[in-house]
C-alpha atoms as a PDB file:
ATOM      1  CA  MET A   1      -2.223 -55.263  14.117  1.00  0.00           C
ATOM      2  CA  ASN A   2      -1.156 -52.084  15.651  1.00  0.00           C
ATOM      3  CA  SER A   3       2.517 -51.374  14.112  1.00  0.00           C
ATOM      4  CA  LEU A   4       0.177 -52.124  10.865  1.00  0.00           C
ATOM      5  CA  ARG A   5      -2.427 -48.935  11.958  1.00  0.00           C
ATOM      6  CA  ASN A   6       0.767 -46.841  12.356  1.00  0.00           C
ATOM      7  CA  ALA A   7       2.720 -47.193   9.392  1.00  0.00           C
ATOM      8  CA  LEU A   8      -1.362 -46.848   7.435  1.00  0.00           C
ATOM      9  CA  LEU A   9      -1.329 -43.343   9.674  1.00  0.00           C
ATOM     10  CA  ARG A  10       2.066 -41.889   9.221  1.00  0.00           C
ATOM     11  CA  SER A  11       1.911 -42.799   5.120  1.00  0.00           C
ATOM     12  CA  ALA A  12      -1.741 -41.269   5.203  1.00  0.00           C
ATOM     13  CA  SER A  13      -0.265 -38.326   7.071  1.00  0.00           C
ATOM     14  CA  THR A  14       2.829 -38.158   4.268  1.00  0.00           C
ATOM     15  CA  ALA A  15       0.626 -38.299   1.176  1.00  0.00           C
ATOM     16  CA  GLY A  16      -1.429 -34.861   3.163  1.00  0.00           C
ATOM     17  CA  ASN A  17       1.350 -33.118   3.663  1.00  0.00           C
ATOM     18  CA  VAL A  18       2.973 -33.671  -0.352  1.00  0.00           C
ATOM     19  CA  GLY A  19      -0.463 -32.441  -1.526  1.00  0.00           C
ATOM     20  CA  ALA A  20      -0.868 -29.824   1.238  1.00  0.00           C
ATOM     21  CA  LYS A  21       2.696 -28.257  -1.117  1.00  0.00           C
ATOM     22  CA  THR A  22       0.788 -28.501  -4.213  1.00  0.00           C
ATOM     23  CA  VAL A  23      -1.984 -26.770  -4.003  1.00  0.00           C
ATOM     24  CA  PRO A  24      -1.522 -23.259  -5.535  1.00  0.00           C
ATOM     25  CA  ARG A  25      -1.855 -20.308  -3.634  1.00  0.00           C
ATOM     26  CA  ALA A  26      -3.810 -17.418  -4.548  1.00  0.00           C
ATOM     27  CA  ARG A  27      -2.774 -13.915  -4.264  1.00  0.00           C
ATOM     28  CA  LEU A  28      -4.771 -10.894  -3.925  1.00  0.00           C
ATOM     29  CA  SER A  29      -2.224  -8.327  -5.007  1.00  0.00           C
ATOM     30  CA  THR A  30      -3.238  -6.211  -7.883  1.00  0.00           C
ATOM     31  CA  GLY A  31       0.401  -5.095  -8.642  1.00  0.00           C
ATOM     32  CA  PRO A  32       4.010  -4.548  -7.214  1.00  0.00           C
ATOM     33  CA  GLN A  33       4.081  -4.864  -3.177  1.00  0.00           C
ATOM     34  CA  GLN A  34       4.990  -1.514  -1.437  1.00  0.00           C
ATOM     35  CA  GLN A  35       8.531  -2.532   0.363  1.00  0.00           C
ATOM     36  CA  HIS A  36       8.301   0.482   3.137  1.00  0.00           C
ATOM     37  CA  GLY A  37       6.286   2.650   4.461  1.00  0.00           C
ATOM     38  CA  THR A  38       6.847   6.143   3.098  1.00  0.00           C
ATOM     39  CA  PHE A  39       3.834   7.512   2.103  1.00  0.00           C
ATOM     40  CA  TYR A  40       3.363  11.041   0.824  1.00  0.00           C
ATOM     41  CA  GLU A  41       0.263  12.924   1.472  1.00  0.00           C
ATOM     42  CA  PHE A  42      -1.095  15.085  -1.294  1.00  0.00           C
ATOM     43  CA  ARG A  43      -3.739  18.481   0.237  1.00  0.00           C
ATOM     44  CA  THR A  44      -4.765  21.424  -2.492  1.00  0.00           C
ATOM     45  CA  TYR A  45      -6.677  24.407  -0.619  1.00  0.00           C
ATOM     46  CA  SER A  46      -8.977  26.370  -2.459  1.00  0.00           C
ATOM     47  CA  ILE A  47      -8.851  30.444  -1.177  1.00  0.00           C
ATOM     48  CA  ARG A  48     -11.165  33.034  -1.443  1.00  0.00           C
ATOM     49  CA  PRO A  49      -9.863  34.926  -4.772  1.00  0.00           C
ATOM     50  CA  ASP A  50      -9.838  37.761  -2.457  1.00  0.00           C
ATOM     51  CA  GLN A  51      -7.361  36.185  -0.008  1.00  0.00           C
ATOM     52  CA  ASN A  52      -4.915  34.867  -2.186  1.00  0.00           C
ATOM     53  CA  ALA A  53      -2.136  36.932  -1.725  1.00  0.00           C
ATOM     54  CA  ALA A  54      -2.497  37.241   1.761  1.00  0.00           C
ATOM     55  CA  PHE A  55      -2.597  33.522   2.425  1.00  0.00           C
ATOM     56  CA  LEU A  56       0.454  33.165   0.667  1.00  0.00           C
ATOM     57  CA  LYS A  57       2.035  36.085   2.257  1.00  0.00           C
ATOM     58  CA  LEU A  58       0.913  34.356   5.643  1.00  0.00           C
ATOM     59  CA  THR A  59       2.076  30.913   4.796  1.00  0.00           C
ATOM     60  CA  ASN A  60       5.576  32.393   3.433  1.00  0.00           C
ATOM     61  CA  GLU A  61       5.871  33.845   7.318  1.00  0.00           C
ATOM     62  CA  LYS A  62       4.579  31.174   9.455  1.00  0.00           C
ATOM     63  CA  ILE A  63       5.419  27.968   7.397  1.00  0.00           C
ATOM     64  CA  GLN A  64       8.186  27.170   9.556  1.00  0.00           C
ATOM     65  CA  LEU A  65       5.814  26.281  12.624  1.00  0.00           C
ATOM     66  CA  ARG A  66       4.252  23.591  10.044  1.00  0.00           C
ATOM     67  CA  THR A  67       7.635  21.847   8.621  1.00  0.00           C
ATOM     68  CA  ALA A  68       9.223  22.234  12.647  1.00  0.00           C
ATOM     69  CA  HIS A  69       7.069  18.981  12.781  1.00  0.00           C
ATOM     70  CA  SER A  70       7.117  16.596   9.458  1.00  0.00           C
ATOM     71  CA  GLU A  71       8.726  17.416   6.551  1.00  0.00           C
ATOM     72  CA  LEU A  72       7.608  19.451   3.342  1.00  0.00           C
ATOM     73  CA  LEU A  73       8.555  18.124   0.073  1.00  0.00           C
ATOM     74  CA  GLY A  74       6.897  20.994  -2.284  1.00  0.00           C
ATOM     75  CA  TYR A  75       4.209  23.979  -2.101  1.00  0.00           C
ATOM     76  CA  TRP A  76       2.702  25.122  -4.916  1.00  0.00           C
ATOM     77  CA  SER A  77       0.400  28.202  -6.603  1.00  0.00           C
ATOM     78  CA  VAL A  78      -1.851  26.710  -9.398  1.00  0.00           C
ATOM     79  CA  GLU A  79      -1.436  28.585 -12.449  1.00  0.00           C
ATOM     80  CA  TYR A  80      -3.729  26.582 -14.980  1.00  0.00           C
ATOM     81  CA  GLY A  81      -5.732  24.248 -14.150  1.00  0.00           C
ATOM     82  CA  GLY A  82      -7.222  25.545 -10.855  1.00  0.00           C
ATOM     83  CA  LEU A  83      -7.726  28.639  -9.861  1.00  0.00           C
ATOM     84  CA  ASN A  84      -6.646  30.300  -6.182  1.00  0.00           C
ATOM     85  CA  GLN A  85      -4.947  27.094  -5.125  1.00  0.00           C
ATOM     86  CA  VAL A  86      -2.445  25.702  -3.385  1.00  0.00           C
ATOM     87  CA  PHE A  87      -0.977  22.350  -3.565  1.00  0.00           C
ATOM     88  CA  HIS A  88       1.518  20.680  -1.099  1.00  0.00           C
ATOM     89  CA  ILE A  89       3.239  17.544  -0.509  1.00  0.00           C
ATOM     90  CA  TRP A  90       4.169  16.517   2.776  1.00  0.00           C
ATOM     91  CA  LYS A  91       6.362  13.056   3.669  1.00  0.00           C
ATOM     92  CA  TYR A  92       5.797  10.725   6.517  1.00  0.00           C
ATOM     93  CA  ASP A  93       7.349   7.596   7.068  1.00  0.00           C
ATOM     94  CA  SER A  94       4.091   5.849   8.739  1.00  0.00           C
ATOM     95  CA  TYR A  95       0.701   6.394   9.385  1.00  0.00           C
ATOM     96  CA  SER A  96       1.816   6.564  13.135  1.00  0.00           C
ATOM     97  CA  GLN A  97       4.753   9.287  12.147  1.00  0.00           C
ATOM     98  CA  ARG A  98       1.622  10.780  11.052  1.00  0.00           C
ATOM     99  CA  ALA A  99      -1.492  10.841  13.630  1.00  0.00           C
ATOM    100  CA  GLY A 100       1.733  12.141  15.840  1.00  0.00           C
ATOM    101  CA  VAL A 101       1.942  15.162  14.236  1.00  0.00           C
ATOM    102  CA  ARG A 102      -0.982  16.029  13.863  1.00  0.00           C
ATOM    103  CA  ALA A 103      -1.892  15.534  17.802  1.00  0.00           C
ATOM    104  CA  ALA A 104       1.308  16.966  18.212  1.00  0.00           C
ATOM    105  CA  LEU A 105      -0.156  20.734  16.233  1.00  0.00           C
ATOM    106  CA  ALA A 106      -3.393  20.420  17.518  1.00  0.00           C
ATOM    107  CA  GLN A 107      -1.389  21.152  20.706  1.00  0.00           C
ATOM    108  CA  ASP A 108       0.790  24.033  19.375  1.00  0.00           C
ATOM    109  CA  PRO A 109      -0.095  27.500  20.603  1.00  0.00           C
ATOM    110  CA  LYS A 110       1.920  29.418  17.991  1.00  0.00           C
ATOM    111  CA  TRP A 111       0.996  27.325  14.792  1.00  0.00           C
ATOM    112  CA  ILE A 112      -2.804  27.501  15.985  1.00  0.00           C
ATOM    113  CA  GLY A 113      -2.601  31.258  17.165  1.00  0.00           C
ATOM    114  CA  GLU A 114      -0.545  32.388  14.805  1.00  0.00           C
ATOM    115  CA  TYR A 115      -0.841  30.552  11.528  1.00  0.00           C
ATOM    116  CA  ILE A 116      -4.204  28.180  11.669  1.00  0.00           C
ATOM    117  CA  SER A 117      -6.928  30.659  13.256  1.00  0.00           C
ATOM    118  CA  LYS A 118      -6.080  32.990  10.594  1.00  0.00           C
ATOM    119  CA  ALA A 119      -5.514  30.705   7.832  1.00  0.00           C
ATOM    120  CA  MET A 120      -8.881  29.254   8.292  1.00  0.00           C
ATOM    121  CA  PRO A 121     -11.286  31.694   7.501  1.00  0.00           C
ATOM    122  CA  MET A 122      -8.887  32.304   4.029  1.00  0.00           C
ATOM    123  CA  LEU A 123     -10.301  29.193   2.597  1.00  0.00           C
ATOM    124  CA  THR A 124     -13.356  27.769   0.996  1.00  0.00           C
ATOM    125  CA  CYS A 125     -12.367  23.956   1.028  1.00  0.00           C
ATOM    126  CA  GLN A 126      -9.673  21.389   1.453  1.00  0.00           C
ATOM    127  CA  ASP A 127      -8.424  17.981   0.239  1.00  0.00           C
ATOM    128  CA  ASN A 128      -5.723  15.077   0.399  1.00  0.00           C
ATOM    129  CA  GLU A 129      -5.273  12.474  -0.709  1.00  0.00           C
ATOM    130  CA  VAL A 130      -2.492   9.688   0.479  1.00  0.00           C
ATOM    131  CA  THR A 131       0.048   8.228  -2.190  1.00  0.00           C
ATOM    132  CA  TYR A 132       3.111   6.007  -2.236  1.00  0.00           C
ATOM    133  CA  LEU A 133       5.568   6.352  -4.815  1.00  0.00           C
ATOM    134  CA  ILE A 134       5.156   3.729  -7.648  1.00  0.00           C
ATOM    135  CA  PRO A 135       8.212   1.395  -7.220  1.00  0.00           C
ATOM    136  CA  TRP A 136       9.840   1.946 -10.457  1.00  0.00           C
ATOM    137  CA  SER A 137      10.045   5.576  -9.182  1.00  0.00           C
ATOM    138  CA  GLN A 138      12.304   8.091  -7.250  1.00  0.00           C
ATOM    139  CA  ILE A 139      11.746  11.608  -6.024  1.00  0.00           C
ATOM    140  CA  GLN A 140      14.248  13.584  -8.403  1.00  0.00           C
ATOM    141  CA  ARG A 141      15.532  17.287  -7.662  1.00  0.00           C
ATOM    142  CA  PRO A 142      15.558  19.681 -10.605  1.00  0.00           C
ATOM    143  CA  PRO A 143      18.833  20.944 -11.936  1.00  0.00           C
ATOM    144  CA  LYS A 144      18.660  23.869 -11.216  1.00  0.00           C
ATOM    145  CA  GLU A 145      15.832  26.155  -8.872  1.00  0.00           C
ATOM    146  CA  GLY A 146      13.242  28.228 -10.956  1.00  0.00           C
ATOM    147  CA  GLY A 147      10.918  26.818 -13.734  1.00  0.00           C
ATOM    148  CA  VAL A 148       7.343  25.357 -13.426  1.00  0.00           C
ATOM    149  CA  TYR A 149       6.356  21.806 -12.181  1.00  0.00           C
ATOM    150  CA  GLU A 150       3.174  20.240 -13.440  1.00  0.00           C
ATOM    151  CA  LEU A 151       1.158  18.122 -12.396  1.00  0.00           C
ATOM    152  CA  VAL A 152      -0.889  15.300 -14.033  1.00  0.00           C
ATOM    153  CA  SER A 153      -3.384  13.121 -12.834  1.00  0.00           C
ATOM    154  CA  PHE A 154      -4.675   9.499 -14.722  1.00  0.00           C
ATOM    155  CA  GLN A 155      -7.485   7.778 -13.688  1.00  0.00           C
ATOM    156  CA  MET A 156      -7.104   4.434 -14.731  1.00  0.00           C
ATOM    157  CA  ARG A 157      -9.572   1.334 -14.745  1.00  0.00           C
ATOM    158  CA  PRO A 158     -10.338  -0.448 -11.722  1.00  0.00           C
ATOM    159  CA  GLY A 159      -7.517  -3.809 -11.140  1.00  0.00           C
ATOM    160  CA  GLY A 160      -4.693  -1.861  -9.918  1.00  0.00           C
ATOM    161  CA  PRO A 161      -1.052  -1.709 -11.498  1.00  0.00           C
ATOM    162  CA  ALA A 162      -1.756  -5.219 -12.246  1.00  0.00           C
ATOM    163  CA  VAL A 163      -3.681  -4.916 -14.870  1.00  0.00           C
ATOM    164  CA  TRP A 164      -2.464  -1.436 -16.691  1.00  0.00           C
ATOM    165  CA  GLY A 165       1.221  -1.248 -14.965  1.00  0.00           C
ATOM    166  CA  ASP A 166       2.896  -1.728 -17.736  1.00  0.00           C
ATOM    167  CA  ALA A 167       1.614   0.221 -19.985  1.00  0.00           C
ATOM    168  CA  PHE A 168       1.092   3.436 -17.953  1.00  0.00           C
ATOM    169  CA  GLN A 169       5.458   2.462 -16.938  1.00  0.00           C
ATOM    170  CA  ALA A 170       5.654   2.626 -20.390  1.00  0.00           C
ATOM    171  CA  ALA A 171       3.958   5.531 -21.473  1.00  0.00           C
ATOM    172  CA  VAL A 172       5.692   7.663 -18.530  1.00  0.00           C
ATOM    173  CA  SER A 173       9.173   6.331 -19.644  1.00  0.00           C
ATOM    174  CA  CYS A 174       8.955   7.151 -22.916  1.00  0.00           C
ATOM    175  CA  ARG A 175       8.974  11.225 -21.951  1.00  0.00           C
ATOM    176  CA  ALA A 176      10.995  10.991 -19.102  1.00  0.00           C
ATOM    177  CA  THR A 177      14.023   8.392 -21.088  1.00  0.00           C
ATOM    178  CA  PRO A 178      14.270  11.256 -24.275  1.00  0.00           C
ATOM    179  CA  GLY A 179      14.664  14.377 -21.630  1.00  0.00           C
ATOM    180  CA  TYR A 180      10.885  15.574 -22.928  1.00  0.00           C
ATOM    181  CA  GLY A 181      10.640  16.330 -18.890  1.00  0.00           C
ATOM    182  CA  LEU A 182      12.124  15.687 -15.666  1.00  0.00           C
ATOM    183  CA  LEU A 183       9.983  13.159 -13.598  1.00  0.00           C
ATOM    184  CA  VAL A 184      10.408  14.184  -9.737  1.00  0.00           C
ATOM    185  CA  GLY A 185       7.850  11.320  -9.646  1.00  0.00           C
ATOM    186  CA  ALA A 186       5.466   9.172 -10.241  1.00  0.00           C
ATOM    187  CA  PHE A 187       2.578   8.475  -7.544  1.00  0.00           C
ATOM    188  CA  HIS A 188      -0.046   5.624  -6.824  1.00  0.00           C
ATOM    189  CA  SER A 189      -3.138   6.736  -4.486  1.00  0.00           C
ATOM    190  CA  GLU A 190      -3.867   4.671  -1.346  1.00  0.00           C
ATOM    191  CA  PHE A 191      -6.841   6.621   0.173  1.00  0.00           C
ATOM    192  CA  GLY A 192      -8.915   9.030  -2.168  1.00  0.00           C
ATOM    193  CA  GLN A 193      -9.797   8.089  -5.430  1.00  0.00           C
ATOM    194  CA  LEU A 194      -8.870   4.948  -6.023  1.00  0.00           C
ATOM    195  CA  ASN A 195      -6.861   3.425  -9.014  1.00  0.00           C
ATOM    196  CA  ARG A 196      -5.719   6.903  -9.602  1.00  0.00           C
ATOM    197  CA  VAL A 197      -2.040   7.671 -10.691  1.00  0.00           C
ATOM    198  CA  HIS A 198       0.088  11.000 -10.565  1.00  0.00           C
ATOM    199  CA  THR A 199       2.958  11.856 -12.452  1.00  0.00           C
ATOM    200  CA  LEU A 200       4.853  15.094 -11.072  1.00  0.00           C
ATOM    201  CA  TRP A 201       6.873  17.176 -14.009  1.00  0.00           C
ATOM    202  CA  TRP A 202       9.625  19.900 -14.109  1.00  0.00           C
ATOM    203  CA  TYR A 203       9.945  22.352 -16.778  1.00  0.00           C
ATOM    204  CA  GLU A 204      12.543  25.068 -17.436  1.00  0.00           C
ATOM    205  CA  SER A 205       9.683  27.174 -18.195  1.00  0.00           C
ATOM    206  CA  PRO A 206       5.708  27.162 -19.617  1.00  0.00           C
ATOM    207  CA  ASP A 207       7.455  27.320 -23.224  1.00  0.00           C
ATOM    208  CA  GLN A 208       9.689  24.746 -22.969  1.00  0.00           C
ATOM    209  CA  ARG A 209       7.086  22.775 -21.493  1.00  0.00           C
ATOM    210  CA  ALA A 210       5.310  23.575 -25.045  1.00  0.00           C
ATOM    211  CA  ALA A 211       8.011  22.928 -27.051  1.00  0.00           C
ATOM    212  CA  THR A 212       8.890  19.521 -25.921  1.00  0.00           C
ATOM    213  CA  ARG A 213       5.453  18.404 -25.923  1.00  0.00           C
ATOM    214  CA  HIS A 214       5.756  19.424 -29.668  1.00  0.00           C
ATOM    215  CA  GLN A 215       8.261  17.130 -30.308  1.00  0.00           C
ATOM    216  CA  ALA A 216       6.781  14.185 -28.319  1.00  0.00           C
ATOM    217  CA  HIS A 217       3.599  13.982 -30.277  1.00  0.00           C
ATOM    218  CA  ASP A 218       6.123  13.533 -33.369  1.00  0.00           C
ATOM    219  CA  ASP A 219       8.094  11.084 -31.588  1.00  0.00           C
ATOM    220  CA  ALA A 220       6.410   7.423 -33.020  1.00  0.00           C
ATOM    221  CA  ARG A 221       7.760   5.692 -29.650  1.00  0.00           C
ATOM    222  CA  VAL A 222       4.803   7.975 -27.349  1.00  0.00           C
ATOM    223  CA  VAL A 223       2.570   7.759 -29.712  1.00  0.00           C
ATOM    224  CA  ALA A 224       2.742   4.073 -29.608  1.00  0.00           C
ATOM    225  CA  ALA A 225       2.781   3.513 -26.350  1.00  0.00           C
ATOM    226  CA  VAL A 226       0.042   6.264 -25.372  1.00  0.00           C
ATOM    227  CA  ARG A 227      -2.092   4.771 -27.591  1.00  0.00           C
ATOM    228  CA  GLU A 228      -1.589   1.801 -25.426  1.00  0.00           C
ATOM    229  CA  SER A 229      -2.485   3.175 -22.396  1.00  0.00           C
ATOM    230  CA  VAL A 230      -5.247   4.763 -22.760  1.00  0.00           C
ATOM    231  CA  THR A 231      -6.964   1.843 -23.821  1.00  0.00           C
ATOM    232  CA  TYR A 232      -6.647   1.817 -19.463  1.00  0.00           C
ATOM    233  CA  LEU A 233      -7.709   5.457 -18.843  1.00  0.00           C
ATOM    234  CA  GLU A 234     -11.075   6.914 -17.645  1.00  0.00           C
ATOM    235  CA  SER A 235     -10.150  10.315 -17.304  1.00  0.00           C
ATOM    236  CA  GLN A 236      -7.516  13.110 -17.034  1.00  0.00           C
ATOM    237  CA  ARG A 237      -6.434  16.414 -15.620  1.00  0.00           C
ATOM    238  CA  ASN A 238      -3.383  18.250 -15.056  1.00  0.00           C
ATOM    239  CA  LYS A 239      -2.261  21.789 -13.329  1.00  0.00           C
ATOM    240  CA  LEU A 240       0.930  23.912 -14.212  1.00  0.00           C
ATOM    241  CA  MET A 241       2.453  25.156 -10.625  1.00  0.00           C
ATOM    242  CA  PHE A 242       5.094  27.880  -9.906  1.00  0.00           C
ATOM    243  CA  PRO A 243       6.806  26.796  -6.366  1.00  0.00           C
ATOM    244  CA  CYS A 244       6.206  29.203  -3.286  1.00  0.00           C
ATOM    245  CA  THR A 245       9.724  30.972  -2.423  1.00  0.00           C
ATOM    246  CA  PHE A 246       9.077  28.842   0.716  1.00  0.00           C
ATOM    247  CA  SER A 247       9.200  25.602  -0.884  1.00  0.00           C
ATOM    248  CA  PRO A 248      12.027  22.927  -0.834  1.00  0.00           C
ATOM    249  CA  LEU A 249      11.195  21.828  -4.480  1.00  0.00           C
ATOM    250  CA  LYS A 250      12.445  24.694  -6.295  1.00  0.00           C
END
């Protein structure tokens, strides 16, 4: 009797394990998983109109106090799409690295005394956003210094890249591949306004940007891709920016 009972228990246990393997596993991801911890902090500062030149001069003279702590990707002065603004991107390997940088800056007497104490009264507001590079994008540096950068920000419908990722990638790629602009990077928000994506483009000049835009409007591939992607779009805005002299991306 005991042998029969044990055999039945083993059989039931085996059946339970087999059944467990056939149950599908739910996935909560709304898009491609980030494979590394590197992220990019976008910062936008609005400057008092009468202090714009003074702020840029001070930052040019003291930026090394800040870059001694972490990597600056680029620093720009906004020309169109936001008056008296600067936009900068900082790269971090992890959140713990950023926390360590912020703690070190708070204890850096030269940073506080020579820059922060003078710069803060010149600003009217500050904003930041944490972003990741979209998995199919990587940072590309322009072939030469000079030129202008365009930051285009897209507010997409809720749902994440699983919903609109393919259409967005197609719309960006059909502009980048023919050379309608150099895609410096494509970014997806992690903290800040969610379901927001950004593309950072480089052009030789504002007039070159205008010319390539007109060419793209006559490209059937671009028109078709854009028509598909806008079905997932809620709003968008852009800024045309000039790199500061101390910006790594020039």
